[in-house]
PDB file of N, CA and C in Angstrom:
ATOM      1  N   MET A   1      -5.972   6.051  24.157  1.00  0.00           N
ATOM      2  CA  MET A   1      -5.023   6.553  23.199  1.00  0.00           C
ATOM      3  C   MET A   1      -5.579   7.848  22.595  1.00  0.00           C
ATOM      4  N   SER A   2      -4.730   8.805  22.420  1.00  0.00           N
ATOM      5  CA  SER A   2      -5.164  10.102  21.909  1.00  0.00           C
ATOM      6  C   SER A   2      -5.419  10.030  20.397  1.00  0.00           C
ATOM      7  N   PRO A   3      -6.213  10.951  19.878  1.00  0.00           N
ATOM      8  CA  PRO A   3      -6.476  10.950  18.431  1.00  0.00           C
ATOM      9  C   PRO A   3      -5.216  11.127  17.583  1.00  0.00           C
ATOM     10  N   ALA A   4      -4.257  11.872  18.097  1.00  0.00           N
ATOM     11  CA  ALA A   4      -3.010  12.061  17.353  1.00  0.00           C
ATOM     12  C   ALA A   4      -2.232  10.751  17.233  1.00  0.00           C
ATOM     13  N   MET A   5      -2.225   9.957  18.302  1.00  0.00           N
ATOM     14  CA  MET A   5      -1.535   8.665  18.249  1.00  0.00           C
ATOM     15  C   MET A   5      -2.235   7.698  17.304  1.00  0.00           C
ATOM     16  N   ILE A   6      -3.557   7.750  17.273  1.00  0.00           N
ATOM     17  CA  ILE A   6      -4.305   6.893  16.351  1.00  0.00           C
ATOM     18  C   ILE A   6      -3.987   7.273  14.914  1.00  0.00           C
ATOM     19  N   LYS A   7      -3.932   8.577  14.626  1.00  0.00           N
ATOM     20  CA  LYS A   7      -3.562   9.036  13.279  1.00  0.00           C
ATOM     21  C   LYS A   7      -2.160   8.584  12.913  1.00  0.00           C
ATOM     22  N   MET A   8      -1.244   8.616  13.888  1.00  0.00           N
ATOM     23  CA  MET A   8       0.121   8.185  13.620  1.00  0.00           C
ATOM     24  C   MET A   8       0.154   6.724  13.210  1.00  0.00           C
ATOM     25  N   TRP A   9      -0.548   5.853  13.937  1.00  0.00           N
ATOM     26  CA  TRP A   9      -0.547   4.431  13.618  1.00  0.00           C
ATOM     27  C   TRP A   9      -1.234   4.160  12.285  1.00  0.00           C
ATOM     28  N   ILE A  10      -2.287   4.913  11.982  1.00  0.00           N
ATOM     29  CA  ILE A  10      -2.959   4.734  10.699  1.00  0.00           C
ATOM     30  C   ILE A  10      -2.045   5.159   9.557  1.00  0.00           C
ATOM     31  N   SER A  11      -1.301   6.242   9.730  1.00  0.00           N
ATOM     32  CA  SER A  11      -0.389   6.680   8.676  1.00  0.00           C
ATOM     33  C   SER A  11       0.785   5.715   8.512  1.00  0.00           C
ATOM     34  N   ILE A  12       1.232   5.102   9.592  1.00  0.00           N
ATOM     35  CA  ILE A  12       2.288   4.089   9.487  1.00  0.00           C
ATOM     36  C   ILE A  12       1.773   2.875   8.717  1.00  0.00           C
ATOM     37  N   ALA A  13       0.505   2.514   8.932  1.00  0.00           N
ATOM     38  CA  ALA A  13      -0.092   1.415   8.163  1.00  0.00           C
ATOM     39  C   ALA A  13      -0.163   1.779   6.683  1.00  0.00           C
ATOM     40  N   GLY A  14      -0.468   3.030   6.378  1.00  0.00           N
ATOM     41  CA  GLY A  14      -0.486   3.486   4.986  1.00  0.00           C
ATOM     42  C   GLY A  14       0.882   3.410   4.342  1.00  0.00           C
ATOM     43  N   MET A  15       1.910   3.774   5.083  1.00  0.00           N
ATOM     44  CA  MET A  15       3.275   3.676   4.550  1.00  0.00           C
ATOM     45  C   MET A  15       3.685   2.221   4.359  1.00  0.00           C
ATOM     46  N   GLY A  16       3.230   1.356   5.258  1.00  0.00           N
ATOM     47  CA  GLY A  16       3.489  -0.077   5.094  1.00  0.00           C
ATOM     48  C   GLY A  16       2.827  -0.619   3.843  1.00  0.00           C
ATOM     49  N   CYS A  17       1.610  -0.158   3.559  1.00  0.00           N
ATOM     50  CA  CYS A  17       0.929  -0.570   2.326  1.00  0.00           C
ATOM     51  C   CYS A  17       1.693  -0.080   1.099  1.00  0.00           C
ATOM     52  N   MET A  18       2.254   1.115   1.172  1.00  0.00           N
ATOM     53  CA  MET A  18       3.055   1.612   0.051  1.00  0.00           C
ATOM     54  C   MET A  18       4.301   0.761  -0.159  1.00  0.00           C
ATOM     55  N   PHE A  19       4.942   0.359   0.923  1.00  0.00           N
ATOM     56  CA  PHE A  19       6.121  -0.492   0.811  1.00  0.00           C
ATOM     57  C   PHE A  19       5.751  -1.834   0.176  1.00  0.00           C
ATOM     58  N   LEU A  20       4.629  -2.419   0.600  1.00  0.00           N
ATOM     59  CA  LEU A  20       4.181  -3.678   0.000  1.00  0.00           C
ATOM     60  C   LEU A  20       3.843  -3.499  -1.474  1.00  0.00           C
ATOM     61  N   ALA A  21       3.271  -2.353  -1.832  1.00  0.00           N
ATOM     62  CA  ALA A  21       2.963  -2.079  -3.233  1.00  0.00           C
ATOM     63  C   ALA A  21       4.241  -2.025  -4.066  1.00  0.00           C
ATOM     64  N   ILE A  22       5.256  -1.370  -3.554  1.00  0.00           N
ATOM     65  CA  ILE A  22       6.538  -1.299  -4.268  1.00  0.00           C
ATOM     66  C   ILE A  22       7.131  -2.689  -4.444  1.00  0.00           C
ATOM     67  N   LEU A  23       7.085  -3.486  -3.392  1.00  0.00           N
ATOM     68  CA  LEU A  23       7.628  -4.842  -3.449  1.00  0.00           C
ATOM     69  C   LEU A  23       6.876  -5.700  -4.464  1.00  0.00           C
ATOM     70  N   PHE A  24       5.553  -5.642  -4.442  1.00  0.00           N
ATOM     71  CA  PHE A  24       4.758  -6.449  -5.365  1.00  0.00           C
ATOM     72  C   PHE A  24       4.893  -5.982  -6.805  1.00  0.00           C
ATOM     73  N   ILE A  25       5.025  -4.676  -7.038  1.00  0.00           N
ATOM     74  CA  ILE A  25       5.227  -4.183  -8.398  1.00  0.00           C
ATOM     75  C   ILE A  25       6.573  -4.662  -8.928  1.00  0.00           C
ATOM     76  N   TYR A  26       7.593  -4.619  -8.087  1.00  0.00           N
ATOM     77  CA  TYR A  26       8.899  -5.131  -8.507  1.00  0.00           C
ATOM     78  C   TYR A  26       8.816  -6.613  -8.860  1.00  0.00           C
ATOM     79  N   LEU A  27       8.171  -7.393  -8.002  1.00  0.00           N
ATOM     80  CA  LEU A  27       8.039  -8.827  -8.265  1.00  0.00           C
ATOM     81  C   LEU A  27       7.270  -9.096  -9.544  1.00  0.00           C
ATOM     82  N   SER A  28       6.186  -8.376  -9.745  1.00  0.00           N
ATOM     83  CA  SER A  28       5.359  -8.652 -10.919  1.00  0.00           C
ATOM     84  C   SER A  28       6.037  -8.231 -12.215  1.00  0.00           C
ATOM     85  N   ARG A  29       6.869  -7.225 -12.170  1.00  0.00           N
ATOM     86  CA  ARG A  29       7.513  -6.773 -13.411  1.00  0.00           C
ATOM     87  C   ARG A  29       8.769  -7.546 -13.759  1.00  0.00           C
ATOM     88  N   TYR A  30       9.530  -7.960 -12.764  1.00  0.00           N
ATOM     89  CA  TYR A  30      10.844  -8.510 -13.062  1.00  0.00           C
ATOM     90  C   TYR A  30      11.038  -9.973 -12.680  1.00  0.00           C
ATOM     91  N   LYS A  31      10.260 -10.507 -11.779  1.00  0.00           N
ATOM     92  CA  LYS A  31      10.546 -11.851 -11.275  1.00  0.00           C
ATOM     93  C   LYS A  31       9.517 -12.901 -11.655  1.00  0.00           C
ATOM     94  N   LEU A  32       8.264 -12.515 -11.820  1.00  0.00           N
ATOM     95  CA  LEU A  32       7.209 -13.502 -12.016  1.00  0.00           C
ATOM     96  C   LEU A  32       6.724 -13.522 -13.459  1.00  0.00           C
ATOM     97  N   LYS A  33       6.091 -14.654 -13.832  1.00  0.00           N
ATOM     98  CA  LYS A  33       5.536 -14.788 -15.172  1.00  0.00           C
ATOM     99  C   LYS A  33       4.157 -15.420 -15.077  1.00  0.00           C
ATOM    100  N   GLY A  34       3.370 -15.209 -16.110  1.00  0.00           N
ATOM    101  CA  GLY A  34       2.074 -15.848 -16.192  1.00  0.00           C
ATOM    102  C   GLY A  34       1.037 -15.219 -15.284  1.00  0.00           C
ATOM    103  N   ILE A  35       0.203 -16.084 -14.731  1.00  0.00           N
ATOM    104  CA  ILE A  35      -0.913 -15.630 -13.900  1.00  0.00           C
ATOM    105  C   ILE A  35      -0.434 -15.009 -12.589  1.00  0.00           C
ATOM    106  N   PHE A  36       0.722 -15.456 -12.087  1.00  0.00           N
ATOM    107  CA  PHE A  36       1.263 -14.874 -10.848  1.00  0.00           C
ATOM    108  C   PHE A  36       1.626 -13.408 -11.053  1.00  0.00           C
ATOM    109  N   ARG A  37       2.076 -13.077 -12.251  1.00  0.00           N
ATOM    110  CA  ARG A  37       2.417 -11.696 -12.566  1.00  0.00           C
ATOM    111  C   ARG A  37       1.175 -10.811 -12.516  1.00  0.00           C
ATOM    112  N   VAL A  38       0.089 -11.307 -13.061  1.00  0.00           N
ATOM    113  CA  VAL A  38      -1.164 -10.537 -13.079  1.00  0.00           C
ATOM    114  C   VAL A  38      -1.717 -10.378 -11.665  1.00  0.00           C
ATOM    115  N   ILE A  39      -1.703 -11.463 -10.896  1.00  0.00           N
ATOM    116  CA  ILE A  39      -2.249 -11.422  -9.532  1.00  0.00           C
ATOM    117  C   ILE A  39      -1.450 -10.464  -8.654  1.00  0.00           C
ATOM    118  N   THR A  40      -0.129 -10.561  -8.697  1.00  0.00           N
ATOM    119  CA  THR A  40       0.679  -9.660  -7.859  1.00  0.00           C
ATOM    120  C   THR A  40       0.575  -8.219  -8.338  1.00  0.00           C
ATOM    121  N   GLY A  41       0.430  -8.012  -9.629  1.00  0.00           N
ATOM    122  CA  GLY A  41       0.250  -6.652 -10.139  1.00  0.00           C
ATOM    123  C   GLY A  41      -1.042  -6.031  -9.641  1.00  0.00           C
ATOM    124  N   MET A  42      -2.134  -6.807  -9.699  1.00  0.00           N
ATOM    125  CA  MET A  42      -3.412  -6.287  -9.201  1.00  0.00           C
ATOM    126  C   MET A  42      -3.365  -6.044  -7.703  1.00  0.00           C
ATOM    127  N   LEU A  43      -2.725  -6.942  -6.980  1.00  0.00           N
ATOM    128  CA  LEU A  43      -2.587  -6.769  -5.538  1.00  0.00           C
ATOM    129  C   LEU A  43      -1.745  -5.532  -5.212  1.00  0.00           C
ATOM    130  N   ALA A  44      -0.700  -5.309  -5.993  1.00  0.00           N
ATOM    131  CA  ALA A  44       0.157  -4.140  -5.769  1.00  0.00           C
ATOM    132  C   ALA A  44      -0.612  -2.849  -5.975  1.00  0.00           C
ATOM    133  N   TYR A  45      -1.389  -2.773  -7.047  1.00  0.00           N
ATOM    134  CA  TYR A  45      -2.132  -1.544  -7.294  1.00  0.00           C
ATOM    135  C   TYR A  45      -3.270  -1.365  -6.293  1.00  0.00           C
ATOM    136  N   LEU A  46      -3.800  -2.456  -5.765  1.00  0.00           N
ATOM    137  CA  LEU A  46      -4.788  -2.365  -4.699  1.00  0.00           C
ATOM    138  C   LEU A  46      -4.157  -1.779  -3.434  1.00  0.00           C
ATOM    139  N   PHE A  47      -2.955  -2.271  -3.082  1.00  0.00           N
ATOM    140  CA  PHE A  47      -2.240  -1.716  -1.925  1.00  0.00           C
ATOM    141  C   PHE A  47      -1.929  -0.239  -2.142  1.00  0.00           C
ATOM    142  N   LEU A  48      -1.554   0.123  -3.361  1.00  0.00           N
ATOM    143  CA  LEU A  48      -1.239   1.520  -3.656  1.00  0.00           C
ATOM    144  C   LEU A  48      -2.470   2.403  -3.509  1.00  0.00           C
ATOM    145  N   LEU A  49      -3.609   1.922  -3.972  1.00  0.00           N
ATOM    146  CA  LEU A  49      -4.847   2.679  -3.839  1.00  0.00           C
ATOM    147  C   LEU A  49      -5.243   2.837  -2.375  1.00  0.00           C
ATOM    148  N   VAL A  50      -5.158   1.756  -1.608  1.00  0.00           N
ATOM    149  CA  VAL A  50      -5.516   1.813  -0.185  1.00  0.00           C
ATOM    150  C   VAL A  50      -4.581   2.751   0.567  1.00  0.00           C
ATOM    151  N   SER A  51      -3.295   2.665   0.291  1.00  0.00           N
ATOM    152  CA  SER A  51      -2.353   3.547   1.004  1.00  0.00           C
ATOM    153  C   SER A  51      -2.560   5.003   0.620  1.00  0.00           C
ATOM    154  N   GLY A  52      -2.871   5.266  -0.629  1.00  0.00           N
ATOM    155  CA  GLY A  52      -3.147   6.635  -1.041  1.00  0.00           C
ATOM    156  C   GLY A  52      -4.375   7.198  -0.349  1.00  0.00           C
ATOM    157  N   LEU A  53      -5.420   6.391  -0.251  1.00  0.00           N
ATOM    158  CA  LEU A  53      -6.631   6.839   0.451  1.00  0.00           C
ATOM    159  C   LEU A  53      -6.368   7.065   1.930  1.00  0.00           C
ATOM    160  N   ILE A  54      -5.627   6.167   2.552  1.00  0.00           N
ATOM    161  CA  ILE A  54      -5.306   6.326   3.971  1.00  0.00           C
ATOM    162  C   ILE A  54      -4.528   7.609   4.217  1.00  0.00           C
ATOM    163  N   LEU A  55      -3.495   7.838   3.426  1.00  0.00           N
ATOM    164  CA  LEU A  55      -2.677   9.032   3.652  1.00  0.00           C
ATOM    165  C   LEU A  55      -3.434  10.307   3.294  1.00  0.00           C
ATOM    166  N   PHE A  56      -4.310  10.244   2.302  1.00  0.00           N
ATOM    167  CA  PHE A  56      -5.139  11.406   1.954  1.00  0.00           C
ATOM    168  C   PHE A  56      -6.076  11.743   3.107  1.00  0.00           C
ATOM    169  N   ILE A  57      -6.712  10.738   3.685  1.00  0.00           N
ATOM    170  CA  ILE A  57      -7.644  10.959   4.804  1.00  0.00           C
ATOM    171  C   ILE A  57      -6.899  11.490   6.025  1.00  0.00           C
ATOM    172  N   VAL A  58      -5.743  10.920   6.327  1.00  0.00           N
ATOM    173  CA  VAL A  58      -4.973  11.375   7.494  1.00  0.00           C
ATOM    174  C   VAL A  58      -4.487  12.809   7.288  1.00  0.00           C
ATOM    175  N   LEU A  59      -4.100  13.128   6.067  1.00  0.00           N
ATOM    176  CA  LEU A  59      -3.587  14.474   5.800  1.00  0.00           C
ATOM    177  C   LEU A  59      -4.655  15.543   5.975  1.00  0.00           C
ATOM    178  N   PHE A  60      -5.888  15.249   5.569  1.00  0.00           N
ATOM    179  CA  PHE A  60      -6.924  16.280   5.597  1.00  0.00           C
ATOM    180  C   PHE A  60      -7.861  16.185   6.798  1.00  0.00           C
ATOM    181  N   THR A  61      -7.515  15.404   7.817  1.00  0.00           N
ATOM    182  CA  THR A  61      -8.340  15.389   9.023  1.00  0.00           C
ATOM    183  C   THR A  61      -7.618  16.070  10.166  1.00  0.00           C
TER     184      THR A  61
END
């Protein structure tokens, strides 16, 4: 597989992480209560951080 194709798949994974972050933030703010709200919120921001790092690395390589 060429390096360009590998970058494409890595960037698609980053976009998938962003989609999961959006979904988890929505769930934690509007649907869940208690400890589940905190856990999904932390997981959402973790996905957001990972996707941001992935897309930053792909953009500047």
